[in-house]
Amino acid sequence: MNKLTRVFCCLALFACGNSNQKTVIVPAQTKQGTVDADSILAKVNVDSTLMNTFAVQFDSVNTLVRDNKIDKVQAIKKLQNIFPELQTAYDRLKPNEAKKDKWIFPVEGYSSKAIGGTRGEGYIPTGYNYFEGNKHGGHAAQDIFIYDKNQDCKDDKTGKFVNVRSVTNGIVVALEQDWDSASLLRGGKYIFIYNPCDNALFYYAHNNEVFVNVGQILNAGDTIATIGRTGLNAFKKKSPTHLHFMKLKLDKDFYPKPVNTYQDLLKAETNYKQ
């Protein structure tokens, strides 16, 4: 393998891997007339750092929105600063990304038959507003249920925890890993993933264990958590164990508006293996 080949192999591994990866080994010199490996690596590092920085910023803003500690006007201004930068850095880092990802069903081992209600009727956007945080109304999401009669968060058939997978490619931009039964937080242990190609946020709530970190770059199908019963209402006995899955499409002003994902979930790939 020549030097140039090794350079691009290393860069490919860096770009596709976890954003927490700190170093990439490249040759110290390149042949005359070839791309400067150090320059490429420097740009990759800059874009990775930028994505991590703006992901952390969104996490902070999202927490303020969640806890009703920031008004709508201030929050929108911050989102208008954050998301264009995320898009730009992601496009440079992954320039060949498809504009429309093929969806992977978010609950491993299950299919659209596990979606609550009939034909997606569980989606009720009326009353939902992202900027109302933990006090929002409506149910602008699809709930996907697992077989868990004894409510131990494990599949009754396999006796194992059920993995939650990222539906699309994207960046982890917010999450909550701590929750207890005294908390009033409705989403429990949640994850927000931003897909720059679709300019949309994907929300996965009520998880048992979260495996990802803010700023981490994901591919569709990556395992991000296990299904749980965390959250004010999801913890209660009357609530069957499920994943709360929501898509928020950002409009031209970067205002997050809910979208019914039912038809996309019907077409999502269920036999995906990592």
C-alpha atoms as a PDB file:
ATOM      1  CA  MET A   1       0.000   0.000   0.000  1.00  0.00           C
ATOM      2  CA  ASN A   2       1.554   3.361  -1.054  1.00  0.00           C
ATOM      3  CA  LYS A   3       1.636   6.464   1.113  1.00  0.00           C
ATOM      4  CA  LEU A   4      -1.269   8.240  -0.527  1.00  0.00           C
ATOM      5  CA  THR A   5      -3.503   5.202  -0.190  1.00  0.00           C
ATOM      6  CA  ARG A   6      -2.681   4.991   3.516  1.00  0.00           C
ATOM      7  CA  VAL A   7      -3.568   8.673   3.925  1.00  0.00           C
ATOM      8  CA  PHE A   8      -7.039   8.306   2.501  1.00  0.00           C
ATOM      9  CA  CYS A   9      -7.698   5.037   4.323  1.00  0.00           C
ATOM     10  CA  CYS A  10      -6.880   6.740   7.604  1.00  0.00           C
ATOM     11  CA  LEU A  11      -9.025   9.759   6.784  1.00  0.00           C
ATOM     12  CA  ALA A  12     -11.953   7.568   5.775  1.00  0.00           C
ATOM     13  CA  LEU A  13     -11.757   5.742   9.081  1.00  0.00           C
ATOM     14  CA  PHE A  14     -11.672   9.047  10.947  1.00  0.00           C
ATOM     15  CA  ALA A  15     -14.607  10.590   9.120  1.00  0.00           C
ATOM     16  CA  CYS A  16     -16.863   7.570   9.485  1.00  0.00           C
ATOM     17  CA  GLY A  17     -16.007   6.726  13.061  1.00  0.00           C
ATOM     18  CA  ASN A  18     -16.910   8.060  16.479  1.00  0.00           C
ATOM     19  CA  SER A  19     -16.305  11.771  16.889  1.00  0.00           C
ATOM     20  CA  ASN A  20     -14.579  11.030  20.193  1.00  0.00           C
ATOM     21  CA  GLN A  21     -11.636   9.534  18.304  1.00  0.00           C
ATOM     22  CA  LYS A  22      -8.717  11.906  18.888  1.00  0.00           C
ATOM     23  CA  THR A  23      -5.896  10.907  16.568  1.00  0.00           C
ATOM     24  CA  VAL A  24      -5.317   9.612  13.070  1.00  0.00           C
ATOM     25  CA  ILE A  25      -1.905   8.363  11.960  1.00  0.00           C
ATOM     26  CA  VAL A  26      -0.819   9.649   8.542  1.00  0.00           C
ATOM     27  CA  PRO A  27       2.520   9.666   6.731  1.00  0.00           C
ATOM     28  CA  ALA A  28       4.770  12.600   7.613  1.00  0.00           C
ATOM     29  CA  GLN A  29       5.430  13.424   3.954  1.00  0.00           C
ATOM     30  CA  THR A  30       3.568  13.116   0.697  1.00  0.00           C
ATOM     31  CA  LYS A  31       4.795  12.859  -2.863  1.00  0.00           C
ATOM     32  CA  GLN A  32       5.135  16.024  -4.876  1.00  0.00           C
ATOM     33  CA  GLY A  33       1.926  16.811  -6.756  1.00  0.00           C
ATOM     34  CA  THR A  34      -0.352  14.905  -4.358  1.00  0.00           C
ATOM     35  CA  VAL A  35      -2.742  16.347  -1.803  1.00  0.00           C
ATOM     36  CA  ASP A  36      -1.053  17.484   1.424  1.00  0.00           C
ATOM     37  CA  ALA A  37      -2.113  14.911   4.024  1.00  0.00           C
ATOM     38  CA  ASP A  38      -1.467  17.262   6.945  1.00  0.00           C
ATOM     39  CA  SER A  39      -3.733  19.904   5.416  1.00  0.00           C
ATOM     40  CA  ILE A  40      -6.525  17.389   4.869  1.00  0.00           C
ATOM     41  CA  LEU A  41      -6.184  16.080   8.392  1.00  0.00           C
ATOM     42  CA  ALA A  42      -6.205  19.606   9.803  1.00  0.00           C
ATOM     43  CA  LYS A  43      -9.472  20.359   7.986  1.00  0.00           C
ATOM     44  CA  VAL A  44     -11.022  17.110   9.216  1.00  0.00           C
ATOM     45  CA  ASN A  45     -10.041  17.935  12.787  1.00  0.00           C
ATOM     46  CA  VAL A  46     -11.422  21.472  12.477  1.00  0.00           C
ATOM     47  CA  ASP A  47     -14.782  20.266  11.146  1.00  0.00           C
ATOM     48  CA  SER A  48     -15.037  17.546  13.798  1.00  0.00           C
ATOM     49  CA  THR A  49     -14.276  20.096  16.498  1.00  0.00           C
ATOM     50  CA  LEU A  50     -16.813  22.541  15.076  1.00  0.00           C
ATOM     51  CA  MET A  51     -19.537  19.895  15.011  1.00  0.00           C
ATOM     52  CA  ASN A  52     -18.799  18.914  18.587  1.00  0.00           C
ATOM     53  CA  THR A  53     -18.801  22.570  19.689  1.00  0.00           C
ATOM     54  CA  PHE A  54     -22.156  23.393  18.097  1.00  0.00           C
ATOM     55  CA  ALA A  55     -23.688  20.105  19.249  1.00  0.00           C
ATOM     56  CA  VAL A  56     -22.759  20.993  22.823  1.00  0.00           C
ATOM     57  CA  GLN A  57     -24.260  24.447  22.304  1.00  0.00           C
ATOM     58  CA  PHE A  58     -27.554  22.942  21.134  1.00  0.00           C
ATOM     59  CA  ASP A  59     -27.581  20.580  24.101  1.00  0.00           C
ATOM     60  CA  SER A  60     -27.330  23.585  26.413  1.00  0.00           C
ATOM     61  CA  VAL A  61     -30.081  25.498  24.609  1.00  0.00           C
ATOM     62  CA  ASN A  62     -32.300  22.414  24.478  1.00  0.00           C
ATOM     63  CA  THR A  63     -31.948  21.939  28.229  1.00  0.00           C
ATOM     64  CA  LEU A  64     -33.008  25.558  28.796  1.00  0.00           C
ATOM     65  CA  VAL A  65     -36.010  25.042  26.511  1.00  0.00           C
ATOM     66  CA  ARG A  66     -36.839  21.745  28.198  1.00  0.00           C
ATOM     67  CA  ASP A  67     -36.779  23.339  31.638  1.00  0.00           C
ATOM     68  CA  ASN A  68     -38.704  26.425  30.472  1.00  0.00           C
ATOM     69  CA  LYS A  69     -35.797  28.762  31.287  1.00  0.00           C
ATOM     70  CA  ILE A  70     -35.500  30.580  27.954  1.00  0.00           C
ATOM     71  CA  ASP A  71     -38.101  32.401  25.887  1.00  0.00           C
ATOM     72  CA  LYS A  72     -38.995  31.374  22.350  1.00  0.00           C
ATOM     73  CA  VAL A  73     -37.424  34.398  20.601  1.00  0.00           C
ATOM     74  CA  GLN A  74     -34.056  33.919  22.301  1.00  0.00           C
ATOM     75  CA  ALA A  75     -34.105  30.174  21.653  1.00  0.00           C
ATOM     76  CA  ILE A  76     -34.845  30.564  17.929  1.00  0.00           C
ATOM     77  CA  LYS A  77     -31.996  33.059  17.519  1.00  0.00           C
ATOM     78  CA  LYS A  78     -29.603  30.563  19.076  1.00  0.00           C
ATOM     79  CA  LEU A  79     -30.846  27.752  16.815  1.00  0.00           C
ATOM     80  CA  GLN A  80     -30.367  30.007  13.782  1.00  0.00           C
ATOM     81  CA  ASN A  81     -26.712  30.368  14.755  1.00  0.00           C
ATOM     82  CA  ILE A  82     -26.117  26.710  15.573  1.00  0.00           C
ATOM     83  CA  PHE A  83     -27.685  24.637  12.789  1.00  0.00           C
ATOM     84  CA  PRO A  84     -26.178  26.355   9.717  1.00  0.00           C
ATOM     85  CA  GLU A  85     -22.726  25.812  11.230  1.00  0.00           C
ATOM     86  CA  LEU A  86     -23.512  22.155  11.914  1.00  0.00           C
ATOM     87  CA  GLN A  87     -24.727  21.676   8.356  1.00  0.00           C
ATOM     88  CA  THR A  88     -21.650  23.295   6.839  1.00  0.00           C
ATOM     89  CA  ALA A  89     -19.152  21.321   8.920  1.00  0.00           C
ATOM     90  CA  TYR A  90     -20.995  18.031   8.280  1.00  0.00           C
ATOM     91  CA  ASP A  91     -21.176  18.656   4.521  1.00  0.00           C
ATOM     92  CA  ARG A  92     -17.427  19.258   4.399  1.00  0.00           C
ATOM     93  CA  LEU A  93     -16.659  16.193   6.477  1.00  0.00           C
ATOM     94  CA  LYS A  94     -19.064  13.895   4.614  1.00  0.00           C
ATOM     95  CA  PRO A  95     -19.450  15.510   1.154  1.00  0.00           C
ATOM     96  CA  ASN A  96     -20.848  12.407  -0.541  1.00  0.00           C
ATOM     97  CA  GLU A  97     -23.671  11.928   1.952  1.00  0.00           C
ATOM     98  CA  ALA A  98     -26.960  10.946   0.314  1.00  0.00           C
ATOM     99  CA  LYS A  99     -29.624  13.651   0.481  1.00  0.00           C
ATOM    100  CA  LYS A 100     -32.248  11.136   1.527  1.00  0.00           C
ATOM    101  CA  ASP A 101     -31.210   8.366   3.869  1.00  0.00           C
ATOM    102  CA  LYS A 102     -32.789   4.953   3.744  1.00  0.00           C
ATOM    103  CA  TRP A 103     -34.445   4.605   7.128  1.00  0.00           C
ATOM    104  CA  ILE A 104     -33.568   1.814   9.538  1.00  0.00           C
ATOM    105  CA  PHE A 105     -36.409   0.789  11.868  1.00  0.00           C
ATOM    106  CA  PRO A 106     -35.502   2.199  15.299  1.00  0.00           C
ATOM    107  CA  VAL A 107     -36.387  -0.849  17.411  1.00  0.00           C
ATOM    108  CA  GLU A 108     -34.179  -3.857  16.750  1.00  0.00           C
ATOM    109  CA  GLY A 109     -36.053  -7.120  16.257  1.00  0.00           C
ATOM    110  CA  TYR A 110     -39.390  -5.378  15.684  1.00  0.00           C
ATOM    111  CA  SER A 111     -41.287  -3.958  12.715  1.00  0.00           C
ATOM    112  CA  SER A 112     -43.988  -1.385  12.013  1.00  0.00           C
ATOM    113  CA  LYS A 113     -46.504  -3.817  13.519  1.00  0.00           C
ATOM    114  CA  ALA A 114     -45.223  -2.687  16.911  1.00  0.00           C
ATOM    115  CA  ILE A 115     -46.335   0.908  16.348  1.00  0.00           C
ATOM    116  CA  GLY A 116     -49.145   1.876  18.700  1.00  0.00           C
ATOM    117  CA  GLY A 117     -52.680   2.536  17.513  1.00  0.00           C
ATOM    118  CA  THR A 118     -54.072   1.826  14.065  1.00  0.00           C
ATOM    119  CA  ARG A 119     -52.364   3.339  11.027  1.00  0.00           C
ATOM    120  CA  GLY A 120     -50.353   5.762  13.103  1.00  0.00           C
ATOM    121  CA  GLU A 121     -53.271   7.395  14.877  1.00  0.00           C
ATOM    122  CA  GLY A 122     -51.109   7.836  17.988  1.00  0.00           C
ATOM    123  CA  TYR A 123     -49.596  10.883  16.303  1.00  0.00           C
ATOM    124  CA  ILE A 124     -51.405  13.952  17.715  1.00  0.00           C
ATOM    125  CA  PRO A 125     -49.552  17.175  16.826  1.00  0.00           C
ATOM    126  CA  THR A 126     -52.288  19.501  18.092  1.00  0.00           C
ATOM    127  CA  GLY A 127     -51.000  21.321  21.149  1.00  0.00           C
ATOM    128  CA  TYR A 128     -47.357  20.392  20.596  1.00  0.00           C
ATOM    129  CA  ASN A 129     -44.756  23.156  20.514  1.00  0.00           C
ATOM    130  CA  TYR A 130     -41.054  22.408  20.900  1.00  0.00           C
ATOM    131  CA  PHE A 131     -40.455  25.714  22.670  1.00  0.00           C
ATOM    132  CA  GLU A 132     -42.875  24.814  25.464  1.00  0.00           C
ATOM    133  CA  GLY A 133     -40.333  22.256  26.623  1.00  0.00           C
ATOM    134  CA  ASN A 134     -41.432  19.852  29.343  1.00  0.00           C
ATOM    135  CA  LYS A 135     -44.850  21.560  29.467  1.00  0.00           C
ATOM    136  CA  HIS A 136     -45.789  20.935  25.837  1.00  0.00           C
ATOM    137  CA  GLY A 137     -49.123  19.422  24.870  1.00  0.00           C
ATOM    138  CA  GLY A 138     -50.137  16.908  22.231  1.00  0.00           C
ATOM    139  CA  HIS A 139     -48.289  13.731  21.267  1.00  0.00           C
ATOM    140  CA  ALA A 140     -46.418  14.539  18.047  1.00  0.00           C
ATOM    141  CA  ALA A 141     -44.700  11.153  17.895  1.00  0.00           C
ATOM    142  CA  GLN A 142     -45.108   7.462  17.236  1.00  0.00           C
ATOM    143  CA  ASP A 143     -44.803   5.019  20.131  1.00  0.00           C
ATOM    144  CA  ILE A 144     -43.222   1.651  19.325  1.00  0.00           C
ATOM    145  CA  PHE A 145     -43.981  -1.052  21.884  1.00  0.00           C
ATOM    146  CA  ILE A 146     -42.047  -4.158  22.898  1.00  0.00           C
ATOM    147  CA  TYR A 147     -43.206  -7.394  24.539  1.00  0.00           C
ATOM    148  CA  ASP A 148     -42.570  -6.709  28.220  1.00  0.00           C
ATOM    149  CA  LYS A 149     -45.443  -7.849  30.435  1.00  0.00           C
ATOM    150  CA  ASN A 150     -43.426  -7.832  33.656  1.00  0.00           C
ATOM    151  CA  GLN A 151     -42.057  -4.358  32.821  1.00  0.00           C
ATOM    152  CA  ASP A 152     -38.400  -5.203  33.387  1.00  0.00           C
ATOM    153  CA  CYS A 153     -37.430  -3.506  30.099  1.00  0.00           C
ATOM    154  CA  LYS A 154     -36.467  -6.852  28.579  1.00  0.00           C
ATOM    155  CA  ASP A 155     -38.092  -8.642  25.674  1.00  0.00           C
ATOM    156  CA  ASP A 156     -40.322 -11.435  27.017  1.00  0.00           C
ATOM    157  CA  LYS A 157     -39.222 -13.830  24.266  1.00  0.00           C
ATOM    158  CA  THR A 158     -35.462 -13.279  24.372  1.00  0.00           C
ATOM    159  CA  GLY A 159     -35.000 -12.148  27.974  1.00  0.00           C
ATOM    160  CA  LYS A 160     -32.682  -9.418  26.662  1.00  0.00           C
ATOM    161  CA  PHE A 161     -32.776  -5.638  26.519  1.00  0.00           C
ATOM    162  CA  VAL A 162     -34.000  -4.280  23.174  1.00  0.00           C
ATOM    163  CA  ASN A 163     -31.664  -2.014  21.218  1.00  0.00           C
ATOM    164  CA  VAL A 164     -32.691   1.382  19.907  1.00  0.00           C
ATOM    165  CA  ARG A 165     -31.068   2.232  16.562  1.00  0.00           C
ATOM    166  CA  SER A 166     -30.521   5.526  14.808  1.00  0.00           C
ATOM    167  CA  VAL A 167     -33.036   5.759  11.979  1.00  0.00           C
ATOM    168  CA  THR A 168     -30.748   7.905   9.816  1.00  0.00           C
ATOM    169  CA  ASN A 169     -27.212   9.229   9.658  1.00  0.00           C
ATOM    170  CA  GLY A 170     -26.557  12.252  11.826  1.00  0.00           C
ATOM    171  CA  ILE A 171     -24.963  13.903  14.842  1.00  0.00           C
ATOM    172  CA  VAL A 172     -25.940  13.460  18.486  1.00  0.00           C
ATOM    173  CA  VAL A 173     -26.828  16.989  19.575  1.00  0.00           C
ATOM    174  CA  ALA A 174     -28.551  16.507  22.942  1.00  0.00           C
ATOM    175  CA  LEU A 175     -29.250  13.821  25.490  1.00  0.00           C
ATOM    176  CA  GLU A 176     -30.134  13.052  29.069  1.00  0.00           C
ATOM    177  CA  GLN A 177     -28.465  10.095  30.768  1.00  0.00           C
ATOM    178  CA  ASP A 178     -29.694  10.629  34.333  1.00  0.00           C
ATOM    179  CA  TRP A 179     -33.250  10.108  35.508  1.00  0.00           C
ATOM    180  CA  ASP A 180     -34.985   8.802  38.630  1.00  0.00           C
ATOM    181  CA  SER A 181     -38.598   8.156  39.579  1.00  0.00           C
ATOM    182  CA  ALA A 182     -38.824  11.468  41.473  1.00  0.00           C
ATOM    183  CA  SER A 183     -38.112  13.460  38.312  1.00  0.00           C
ATOM    184  CA  LEU A 184     -40.904  15.299  36.487  1.00  0.00           C
ATOM    185  CA  LEU A 185     -39.044  15.035  33.175  1.00  0.00           C
ATOM    186  CA  ARG A 186     -41.452  13.498  30.690  1.00  0.00           C
ATOM    187  CA  GLY A 187     -38.886  12.200  28.200  1.00  0.00           C
ATOM    188  CA  GLY A 188     -36.763  10.452  30.797  1.00  0.00           C
ATOM    189  CA  LYS A 189     -33.437   9.433  29.293  1.00  0.00           C
ATOM    190  CA  TYR A 190     -33.668  10.878  25.808  1.00  0.00           C
ATOM    191  CA  ILE A 191     -31.512  11.481  22.713  1.00  0.00           C
ATOM    192  CA  PHE A 192     -31.747  14.140  19.976  1.00  0.00           C
ATOM    193  CA  ILE A 193     -29.992  13.335  16.681  1.00  0.00           C
ATOM    194  CA  TYR A 194     -29.663  15.976  13.968  1.00  0.00           C
ATOM    195  CA  ASN A 195     -29.632  14.880  10.331  1.00  0.00           C
ATOM    196  CA  PRO A 196     -28.093  17.766   8.324  1.00  0.00           C
ATOM    197  CA  CYS A 197     -29.117  16.249   4.963  1.00  0.00           C
ATOM    198  CA  ASP A 198     -32.794  16.287   5.952  1.00  0.00           C
ATOM    199  CA  ASN A 199     -32.386  19.340   8.226  1.00  0.00           C
ATOM    200  CA  ALA A 200     -34.343  17.535  10.908  1.00  0.00           C
ATOM    201  CA  LEU A 201     -34.094  16.496  14.537  1.00  0.00           C
ATOM    202  CA  PHE A 202     -34.965  12.949  15.630  1.00  0.00           C
ATOM    203  CA  TYR A 203     -36.014  12.399  19.234  1.00  0.00           C
ATOM    204  CA  TYR A 204     -35.769   9.042  21.029  1.00  0.00           C
ATOM    205  CA  ALA A 205     -37.260   9.039  24.544  1.00  0.00           C
ATOM    206  CA  HIS A 206     -37.861   6.758  27.577  1.00  0.00           C
ATOM    207  CA  ASN A 207     -34.571   4.896  27.097  1.00  0.00           C
ATOM    208  CA  ASN A 208     -33.154   2.556  29.722  1.00  0.00           C
ATOM    209  CA  GLU A 209     -29.459   3.042  28.931  1.00  0.00           C
ATOM    210  CA  VAL A 210     -27.905   5.606  26.584  1.00  0.00           C
ATOM    211  CA  PHE A 211     -24.754   4.570  24.692  1.00  0.00           C
ATOM    212  CA  VAL A 212     -23.854   7.731  22.749  1.00  0.00           C
ATOM    213  CA  ASN A 213     -22.341  11.121  23.534  1.00  0.00           C
ATOM    214  CA  VAL A 214     -23.079  14.657  22.386  1.00  0.00           C
ATOM    215  CA  GLY A 215     -21.112  15.428  19.219  1.00  0.00           C
ATOM    216  CA  GLN A 216     -20.877  11.799  18.117  1.00  0.00           C
ATOM    217  CA  ILE A 217     -21.326  11.130  14.394  1.00  0.00           C
ATOM    218  CA  LEU A 218     -23.679   8.253  13.612  1.00  0.00           C
ATOM    219  CA  ASN A 219     -24.580   6.069  10.671  1.00  0.00           C
ATOM    220  CA  ALA A 220     -28.109   4.806  10.115  1.00  0.00           C
ATOM    221  CA  GLY A 221     -28.563   1.600  12.093  1.00  0.00           C
ATOM    222  CA  ASP A 222     -26.045   2.404  14.837  1.00  0.00           C
ATOM    223  CA  THR A 223     -27.157   1.295  18.296  1.00  0.00           C
ATOM    224  CA  ILE A 224     -27.752   4.344  20.478  1.00  0.00           C
ATOM    225  CA  ALA A 225     -29.621   3.024  23.536  1.00  0.00           C
ATOM    226  CA  THR A 226     -31.886   0.322  24.937  1.00  0.00           C
ATOM    227  CA  ILE A 227     -35.636   0.734  25.364  1.00  0.00           C
ATOM    228  CA  GLY A 228     -36.702   1.592  28.873  1.00  0.00           C
ATOM    229  CA  ARG A 229     -39.403   3.021  31.092  1.00  0.00           C
ATOM    230  CA  THR A 230     -37.866   6.344  32.063  1.00  0.00           C
ATOM    231  CA  GLY A 231     -39.997   9.469  32.109  1.00  0.00           C
ATOM    232  CA  LEU A 232     -42.844  10.826  34.236  1.00  0.00           C
ATOM    233  CA  ASN A 233     -45.636   8.845  32.566  1.00  0.00           C
ATOM    234  CA  ALA A 234     -43.639   6.052  30.902  1.00  0.00           C
ATOM    235  CA  PHE A 235     -42.499   4.873  34.353  1.00  0.00           C
ATOM    236  CA  LYS A 236     -46.045   4.292  35.575  1.00  0.00           C
ATOM    237  CA  LYS A 237     -47.505   0.768  35.605  1.00  0.00           C
ATOM    238  CA  LYS A 238     -50.294   1.769  33.233  1.00  0.00           C
ATOM    239  CA  SER A 239     -47.762   2.503  30.500  1.00  0.00           C
ATOM    240  CA  PRO A 240     -46.504  -0.438  28.381  1.00  0.00           C
ATOM    241  CA  THR A 241     -42.759  -0.370  27.658  1.00  0.00           C
ATOM    242  CA  HIS A 242     -42.085   1.590  24.471  1.00  0.00           C
ATOM    243  CA  LEU A 243     -39.872   3.937  22.480  1.00  0.00           C
ATOM    244  CA  HIS A 244     -41.236   7.448  21.943  1.00  0.00           C
ATOM    245  CA  PHE A 245     -40.010   8.450  18.472  1.00  0.00           C
ATOM    246  CA  MET A 246     -40.470  11.917  17.001  1.00  0.00           C
ATOM    247  CA  LYS A 247     -39.190  13.888  14.011  1.00  0.00           C
ATOM    248  CA  LEU A 248     -38.913  17.671  14.065  1.00  0.00           C
ATOM    249  CA  LYS A 249     -38.329  19.229  10.645  1.00  0.00           C
ATOM    250  CA  LEU A 250     -36.540  22.581  10.746  1.00  0.00           C
ATOM    251  CA  ASP A 251     -38.135  25.189   8.489  1.00  0.00           C
ATOM    252  CA  LYS A 252     -36.237  27.992   6.716  1.00  0.00           C
ATOM    253  CA  ASP A 253     -36.054  29.898  10.012  1.00  0.00           C
ATOM    254  CA  PHE A 254     -34.873  26.744  11.860  1.00  0.00           C
ATOM    255  CA  TYR A 255     -38.121  26.435  13.776  1.00  0.00           C
ATOM    256  CA  PRO A 256     -38.578  22.730  14.754  1.00  0.00           C
ATOM    257  CA  LYS A 257     -41.982  21.505  13.588  1.00  0.00           C
ATOM    258  CA  PRO A 258     -43.284  17.946  14.083  1.00  0.00           C
ATOM    259  CA  VAL A 259     -43.716  15.565  11.177  1.00  0.00           C
ATOM    260  CA  ASN A 260     -45.701  12.331  11.195  1.00  0.00           C
ATOM    261  CA  THR A 261     -43.172   9.521  10.658  1.00  0.00           C
ATOM    262  CA  TYR A 262     -45.692   6.718  10.241  1.00  0.00           C
ATOM    263  CA  GLN A 263     -45.336   6.232   6.472  1.00  0.00           C
ATOM    264  CA  ASP A 264     -41.533   6.380   6.679  1.00  0.00           C
ATOM    265  CA  LEU A 265     -41.538   3.805   9.479  1.00  0.00           C
ATOM    266  CA  LEU A 266     -43.673   1.485   7.349  1.00  0.00           C
ATOM    267  CA  LYS A 267     -40.953   1.528   4.673  1.00  0.00           C
ATOM    268  CA  ALA A 268     -37.992   1.388   7.059  1.00  0.00           C
ATOM    269  CA  GLU A 269     -35.588  -1.538   6.816  1.00  0.00           C
ATOM    270  CA  THR A 270     -36.136  -4.054   9.629  1.00  0.00           C
ATOM    271  CA  ASN A 271     -33.570  -6.726   8.779  1.00  0.00           C
ATOM    272  CA  TYR A 272     -30.569  -4.437   9.093  1.00  0.00           C
ATOM    273  CA  LYS A 273     -27.483  -5.937  10.736  1.00  0.00           C
ATOM    274  CA  GLN A 274     -24.442  -3.977  11.866  1.00  0.00           C
END
